[in-house]
Amino acid sequence: CMPQARVCSVTKRGQEELVGFVAVVVVVAVMGVILLALGLRSSGDLAPPPSDLVRQFLDSSFHTTTSCAVRAADSYMALDELLRTCYEQSGKSCADGKAVCVALNETLRTLVKEGLHVRNTSYYQAYTLDVSFAPDSVSQRQPFLGFSEGACSGETRGDEYAIPVRSGKGLLFVKLILCTAS
């Protein structure tokens, strides 16, 4: 670099400036990711994060056959069909004389409590299940059915399942929230 000392000095200084610029960009990017993560974490949204377990449980539950058939000659209804019938024709009864809404309520409670082992001594100690109706996926929802069991003192996990009504004019949303031990 002797005869061309001036060129060597300029090249070296340019490389140092480039390394400095890259270092500043990396630091700013890391700080941005950290701030974004903190902002998302403390967004104030009280809804629990979606849970694959709850989503899969709801999906499989609504394909489960219940003990309710409207007529003795009919086959037993799947849970989603029982929910639709309760919403659209709440006065109907099962062949055994039990009201369809009573059968729905009992079936949902049993499935959640026994299927997810919700007990004071289990990992999941409480749950809330709410069913609401909306004419579409963005409209205000109207509560239809809901119940809960246990006292929540830990983290919550939940998800919801949408079931179209028979008329095609609306959706029934089933939202399940599980609460863990603290």
C-alpha atoms as a PDB file:
ATOM      1  CA  CYS A   1       0.000   0.000   0.000  1.00  0.00           C
ATOM      2  CA  MET A   2       3.059   2.271  -0.026  1.00  0.00           C
ATOM      3  CA  PRO A   3       2.799   3.919  -3.430  1.00  0.00           C
ATOM      4  CA  GLN A   4      -0.944   3.931  -3.254  1.00  0.00           C
ATOM      5  CA  ALA A   5      -1.280   4.793   0.454  1.00  0.00           C
ATOM      6  CA  ARG A   6      -4.017   7.240  -0.273  1.00  0.00           C
ATOM      7  CA  VAL A   7      -6.178   4.608  -2.101  1.00  0.00           C
ATOM      8  CA  CYS A   8      -5.582   2.016   0.655  1.00  0.00           C
ATOM      9  CA  SER A   9      -6.609   4.500   3.335  1.00  0.00           C
ATOM     10  CA  VAL A  10      -9.813   5.446   1.510  1.00  0.00           C
ATOM     11  CA  THR A  11     -10.736   1.771   0.898  1.00  0.00           C
ATOM     12  CA  LYS A  12     -10.076   0.839   4.519  1.00  0.00           C
ATOM     13  CA  ARG A  13     -12.107   3.781   5.797  1.00  0.00           C
ATOM     14  CA  GLY A  14     -14.972   2.870   3.451  1.00  0.00           C
ATOM     15  CA  GLN A  15     -14.988  -0.710   4.730  1.00  0.00           C
ATOM     16  CA  GLU A  16     -15.037   0.502   8.347  1.00  0.00           C
ATOM     17  CA  GLU A  17     -17.973   2.794   7.603  1.00  0.00           C
ATOM     18  CA  LEU A  18     -19.856  -0.043   5.906  1.00  0.00           C
ATOM     19  CA  VAL A  19     -19.269  -2.377   8.882  1.00  0.00           C
ATOM     20  CA  GLY A  20     -20.463   0.383  11.223  1.00  0.00           C
ATOM     21  CA  PHE A  21     -23.593   0.961   9.140  1.00  0.00           C
ATOM     22  CA  VAL A  22     -24.439  -2.776   9.115  1.00  0.00           C
ATOM     23  CA  ALA A  23     -23.932  -2.937  12.910  1.00  0.00           C
ATOM     24  CA  VAL A  24     -26.329   0.005  13.429  1.00  0.00           C
ATOM     25  CA  VAL A  25     -28.955  -1.598  11.147  1.00  0.00           C
ATOM     26  CA  VAL A  26     -28.711  -4.911  13.030  1.00  0.00           C
ATOM     27  CA  VAL A  27     -29.061  -3.200  16.436  1.00  0.00           C
ATOM     28  CA  VAL A  28     -32.073  -1.177  15.262  1.00  0.00           C
ATOM     29  CA  ALA A  29     -33.721  -4.308  13.786  1.00  0.00           C
ATOM     30  CA  VAL A  30     -33.231  -6.269  17.035  1.00  0.00           C
ATOM     31  CA  MET A  31     -34.663  -3.385  19.077  1.00  0.00           C
ATOM     32  CA  GLY A  32     -37.650  -3.198  16.712  1.00  0.00           C
ATOM     33  CA  VAL A  33     -38.384  -6.904  17.094  1.00  0.00           C
ATOM     34  CA  ILE A  34     -38.157  -6.634  20.897  1.00  0.00           C
ATOM     35  CA  LEU A  35     -40.479  -3.632  20.980  1.00  0.00           C
ATOM     36  CA  LEU A  36     -42.925  -5.360  18.645  1.00  0.00           C
ATOM     37  CA  ALA A  37     -42.964  -8.474  20.836  1.00  0.00           C
ATOM     38  CA  LEU A  38     -43.554  -6.396  23.977  1.00  0.00           C
ATOM     39  CA  GLY A  39     -46.306  -4.446  22.247  1.00  0.00           C
ATOM     40  CA  LEU A  40     -48.113  -7.597  21.142  1.00  0.00           C
ATOM     41  CA  ARG A  41     -47.712  -9.208  24.544  1.00  0.00           C
ATOM     42  CA  SER A  42     -49.281  -6.318  26.455  1.00  0.00           C
ATOM     43  CA  SER A  43     -51.969  -5.426  23.948  1.00  0.00           C
ATOM     44  CA  GLY A  44     -54.656  -5.628  26.645  1.00  0.00           C
ATOM     45  CA  ASP A  45     -56.694  -8.172  24.704  1.00  0.00           C
ATOM     46  CA  LEU A  46     -58.300 -10.465  27.246  1.00  0.00           C
ATOM     47  CA  ALA A  47     -59.007 -13.232  24.752  1.00  0.00           C
ATOM     48  CA  PRO A  48     -56.844 -16.275  25.312  1.00  0.00           C
ATOM     49  CA  PRO A  49     -54.457 -17.351  22.591  1.00  0.00           C
ATOM     50  CA  PRO A  50     -55.854 -19.934  20.192  1.00  0.00           C
ATOM     51  CA  SER A  51     -55.231 -23.464  21.309  1.00  0.00           C
ATOM     52  CA  ASP A  52     -54.761 -26.386  18.949  1.00  0.00           C
ATOM     53  CA  LEU A  53     -56.056 -28.720  21.652  1.00  0.00           C
ATOM     54  CA  VAL A  54     -59.297 -26.761  22.037  1.00  0.00           C
ATOM     55  CA  ARG A  55     -59.743 -26.379  18.274  1.00  0.00           C
ATOM     56  CA  GLN A  56     -59.277 -30.114  17.689  1.00  0.00           C
ATOM     57  CA  PHE A  57     -61.525 -30.959  20.624  1.00  0.00           C
ATOM     58  CA  LEU A  58     -64.332 -28.745  19.303  1.00  0.00           C
ATOM     59  CA  ASP A  59     -63.928 -30.061  15.766  1.00  0.00           C
ATOM     60  CA  SER A  60     -64.136 -33.696  16.838  1.00  0.00           C
ATOM     61  CA  SER A  61     -66.882 -33.071  19.411  1.00  0.00           C
ATOM     62  CA  PHE A  62     -69.303 -31.639  16.883  1.00  0.00           C
ATOM     63  CA  HIS A  63     -68.987 -34.790  14.788  1.00  0.00           C
ATOM     64  CA  THR A  64     -69.839 -36.953  17.802  1.00  0.00           C
ATOM     65  CA  THR A  65     -73.157 -38.791  17.775  1.00  0.00           C
ATOM     66  CA  THR A  66     -75.455 -37.869  20.649  1.00  0.00           C
ATOM     67  CA  SER A  67     -78.156 -39.910  22.367  1.00  0.00           C
ATOM     68  CA  CYS A  68     -80.934 -37.804  20.827  1.00  0.00           C
ATOM     69  CA  ALA A  69     -83.075 -38.789  17.867  1.00  0.00           C
ATOM     70  CA  VAL A  70     -86.174 -36.711  17.098  1.00  0.00           C
ATOM     71  CA  ARG A  71     -88.194 -39.814  16.194  1.00  0.00           C
ATOM     72  CA  ALA A  72     -87.522 -43.373  17.287  1.00  0.00           C
ATOM     73  CA  ALA A  73     -87.030 -44.445  13.657  1.00  0.00           C
ATOM     74  CA  ASP A  74     -84.471 -41.665  13.018  1.00  0.00           C
ATOM     75  CA  SER A  75     -80.769 -42.072  13.547  1.00  0.00           C
ATOM     76  CA  TYR A  76     -79.159 -40.276  16.435  1.00  0.00           C
ATOM     77  CA  MET A  77     -78.088 -36.704  15.716  1.00  0.00           C
ATOM     78  CA  ALA A  78     -74.515 -35.493  15.606  1.00  0.00           C
ATOM     79  CA  LEU A  79     -73.749 -32.766  18.134  1.00  0.00           C
ATOM     80  CA  ASP A  80     -73.675 -30.008  15.501  1.00  0.00           C
ATOM     81  CA  GLU A  81     -77.131 -31.086  14.299  1.00  0.00           C
ATOM     82  CA  LEU A  82     -78.412 -31.130  17.873  1.00  0.00           C
ATOM     83  CA  LEU A  83     -77.103 -27.574  18.356  1.00  0.00           C
ATOM     84  CA  ARG A  84     -78.802 -26.384  15.153  1.00  0.00           C
ATOM     85  CA  THR A  85     -82.078 -28.053  16.176  1.00  0.00           C
ATOM     86  CA  CYS A  86     -81.932 -26.489  19.638  1.00  0.00           C
ATOM     87  CA  TYR A  87     -81.336 -23.051  18.113  1.00  0.00           C
ATOM     88  CA  GLU A  88     -83.887 -23.286  15.296  1.00  0.00           C
ATOM     89  CA  GLN A  89     -86.581 -25.447  16.944  1.00  0.00           C
ATOM     90  CA  SER A  90     -86.028 -25.212  20.703  1.00  0.00           C
ATOM     91  CA  GLY A  91     -89.425 -26.736  21.465  1.00  0.00           C
ATOM     92  CA  LYS A  92     -88.577 -30.089  19.875  1.00  0.00           C
ATOM     93  CA  SER A  93     -87.976 -33.187  21.951  1.00  0.00           C
ATOM     94  CA  CYS A  94     -85.850 -36.271  21.482  1.00  0.00           C
ATOM     95  CA  ALA A  95     -87.615 -39.627  21.038  1.00  0.00           C
ATOM     96  CA  ASP A  96     -87.009 -40.366  24.737  1.00  0.00           C
ATOM     97  CA  GLY A  97     -89.014 -37.254  25.698  1.00  0.00           C
ATOM     98  CA  LYS A  98     -86.052 -35.079  26.707  1.00  0.00           C
ATOM     99  CA  ALA A  99     -86.035 -31.573  25.211  1.00  0.00           C
ATOM    100  CA  VAL A 100     -83.347 -31.169  22.529  1.00  0.00           C
ATOM    101  CA  CYS A 101     -81.843 -28.171  24.358  1.00  0.00           C
ATOM    102  CA  VAL A 102     -81.599 -30.155  27.603  1.00  0.00           C
ATOM    103  CA  ALA A 103     -79.927 -33.009  25.705  1.00  0.00           C
ATOM    104  CA  LEU A 104     -77.531 -30.494  24.103  1.00  0.00           C
ATOM    105  CA  ASN A 105     -76.639 -28.923  27.444  1.00  0.00           C
ATOM    106  CA  GLU A 106     -76.011 -32.299  29.095  1.00  0.00           C
ATOM    107  CA  THR A 107     -73.969 -33.576  26.158  1.00  0.00           C
ATOM    108  CA  LEU A 108     -71.774 -30.473  25.973  1.00  0.00           C
ATOM    109  CA  ARG A 109     -71.111 -30.488  29.734  1.00  0.00           C
ATOM    110  CA  THR A 110     -70.212 -34.177  29.730  1.00  0.00           C
ATOM    111  CA  LEU A 111     -67.963 -33.913  26.678  1.00  0.00           C
ATOM    112  CA  VAL A 112     -65.980 -30.978  28.068  1.00  0.00           C
ATOM    113  CA  LYS A 113     -65.726 -32.259  31.620  1.00  0.00           C
ATOM    114  CA  GLU A 114     -64.889 -35.868  30.767  1.00  0.00           C
ATOM    115  CA  GLY A 115     -63.153 -35.371  27.417  1.00  0.00           C
ATOM    116  CA  LEU A 116     -60.731 -32.763  28.748  1.00  0.00           C
ATOM    117  CA  HIS A 117     -60.683 -34.062  32.350  1.00  0.00           C
ATOM    118  CA  VAL A 118     -61.741 -30.745  33.892  1.00  0.00           C
ATOM    119  CA  ARG A 119     -61.551 -31.277  37.655  1.00  0.00           C
ATOM    120  CA  ASN A 120     -60.103 -29.546  40.723  1.00  0.00           C
ATOM    121  CA  THR A 121     -57.244 -32.062  40.773  1.00  0.00           C
ATOM    122  CA  SER A 122     -56.469 -31.959  37.018  1.00  0.00           C
ATOM    123  CA  TYR A 123     -54.374 -29.686  34.839  1.00  0.00           C
ATOM    124  CA  TYR A 124     -57.543 -27.984  33.588  1.00  0.00           C
ATOM    125  CA  GLN A 125     -59.584 -26.881  36.572  1.00  0.00           C
ATOM    126  CA  ALA A 126     -62.240 -24.679  35.003  1.00  0.00           C
ATOM    127  CA  TYR A 127     -63.917 -23.930  31.697  1.00  0.00           C
ATOM    128  CA  THR A 128     -66.395 -21.584  30.070  1.00  0.00           C
ATOM    129  CA  LEU A 129     -68.442 -22.523  27.039  1.00  0.00           C
ATOM    130  CA  ASP A 130     -70.496 -19.907  25.200  1.00  0.00           C
ATOM    131  CA  VAL A 131     -72.661 -20.286  22.114  1.00  0.00           C
ATOM    132  CA  SER A 132     -73.731 -17.200  20.179  1.00  0.00           C
ATOM    133  CA  PHE A 133     -75.427 -16.440  16.875  1.00  0.00           C
ATOM    134  CA  ALA A 134     -74.503 -13.914  14.211  1.00  0.00           C
ATOM    135  CA  PRO A 135     -75.965 -13.389  10.733  1.00  0.00           C
ATOM    136  CA  ASP A 136     -72.377 -13.425   9.391  1.00  0.00           C
ATOM    137  CA  SER A 137     -68.825 -13.651  10.680  1.00  0.00           C
ATOM    138  CA  VAL A 138     -68.454  -9.896  11.310  1.00  0.00           C
ATOM    139  CA  SER A 139     -71.823  -8.936  12.827  1.00  0.00           C
ATOM    140  CA  GLN A 140     -72.544  -8.427  16.491  1.00  0.00           C
ATOM    141  CA  ARG A 141     -73.101 -11.786  18.151  1.00  0.00           C
ATOM    142  CA  GLN A 142     -76.217 -12.604  20.133  1.00  0.00           C
ATOM    143  CA  PRO A 143     -75.673 -14.924  23.136  1.00  0.00           C
ATOM    144  CA  PHE A 144     -77.651 -18.143  22.921  1.00  0.00           C
ATOM    145  CA  LEU A 145     -76.306 -20.641  25.449  1.00  0.00           C
ATOM    146  CA  GLY A 146     -73.526 -20.591  27.971  1.00  0.00           C
ATOM    147  CA  PHE A 147     -72.217 -22.231  31.093  1.00  0.00           C
ATOM    148  CA  SER A 148     -69.043 -22.591  33.078  1.00  0.00           C
ATOM    149  CA  GLU A 149     -67.642 -24.757  35.806  1.00  0.00           C
ATOM    150  CA  GLY A 150     -64.823 -24.285  38.299  1.00  0.00           C
ATOM    151  CA  ALA A 151     -62.870 -21.235  39.390  1.00  0.00           C
ATOM    152  CA  CYS A 152     -60.157 -19.914  37.114  1.00  0.00           C
ATOM    153  CA  SER A 153     -56.874 -19.049  38.802  1.00  0.00           C
ATOM    154  CA  GLY A 154     -54.312 -19.733  36.083  1.00  0.00           C
ATOM    155  CA  GLU A 155     -53.675 -19.346  32.375  1.00  0.00           C
ATOM    156  CA  THR A 156     -56.479 -19.594  29.854  1.00  0.00           C
ATOM    157  CA  ARG A 157     -56.527 -21.303  26.482  1.00  0.00           C
ATOM    158  CA  GLY A 158     -59.383 -21.250  24.063  1.00  0.00           C
ATOM    159  CA  ASP A 159     -60.758 -21.275  20.595  1.00  0.00           C
ATOM    160  CA  GLU A 160     -64.072 -21.214  18.798  1.00  0.00           C
ATOM    161  CA  TYR A 161     -65.919 -23.277  16.247  1.00  0.00           C
ATOM    162  CA  ALA A 162     -68.438 -21.944  13.723  1.00  0.00           C
ATOM    163  CA  ILE A 163     -71.474 -23.965  12.661  1.00  0.00           C
ATOM    164  CA  PRO A 164     -73.710 -22.718   9.840  1.00  0.00           C
ATOM    165  CA  VAL A 165     -77.434 -22.769  10.544  1.00  0.00           C
ATOM    166  CA  ARG A 166     -79.639 -24.813   8.213  1.00  0.00           C
ATOM    167  CA  SER A 167     -81.220 -21.814   6.521  1.00  0.00           C
ATOM    168  CA  GLY A 168     -77.751 -20.648   5.486  1.00  0.00           C
ATOM    169  CA  LYS A 169     -78.474 -17.276   7.062  1.00  0.00           C
ATOM    170  CA  GLY A 170     -76.070 -17.143   9.946  1.00  0.00           C
ATOM    171  CA  LEU A 171     -73.524 -18.920  12.070  1.00  0.00           C
ATOM    172  CA  LEU A 172     -73.524 -20.396  15.533  1.00  0.00           C
ATOM    173  CA  PHE A 173     -70.198 -19.745  17.279  1.00  0.00           C
ATOM    174  CA  VAL A 174     -69.127 -22.118  20.033  1.00  0.00           C
ATOM    175  CA  LYS A 175     -66.354 -20.635  22.160  1.00  0.00           C
ATOM    176  CA  LEU A 176     -64.546 -22.804  24.706  1.00  0.00           C
ATOM    177  CA  ILE A 177     -62.048 -21.418  27.198  1.00  0.00           C
ATOM    178  CA  LEU A 178     -60.091 -23.728  29.481  1.00  0.00           C
ATOM    179  CA  CYS A 179     -58.335 -22.557  32.620  1.00  0.00           C
ATOM    180  CA  THR A 180     -55.234 -24.231  34.021  1.00  0.00           C
ATOM    181  CA  ALA A 181     -54.159 -24.512  37.622  1.00  0.00           C
ATOM    182  CA  SER A 182     -52.092 -21.548  38.765  1.00  0.00           C
END
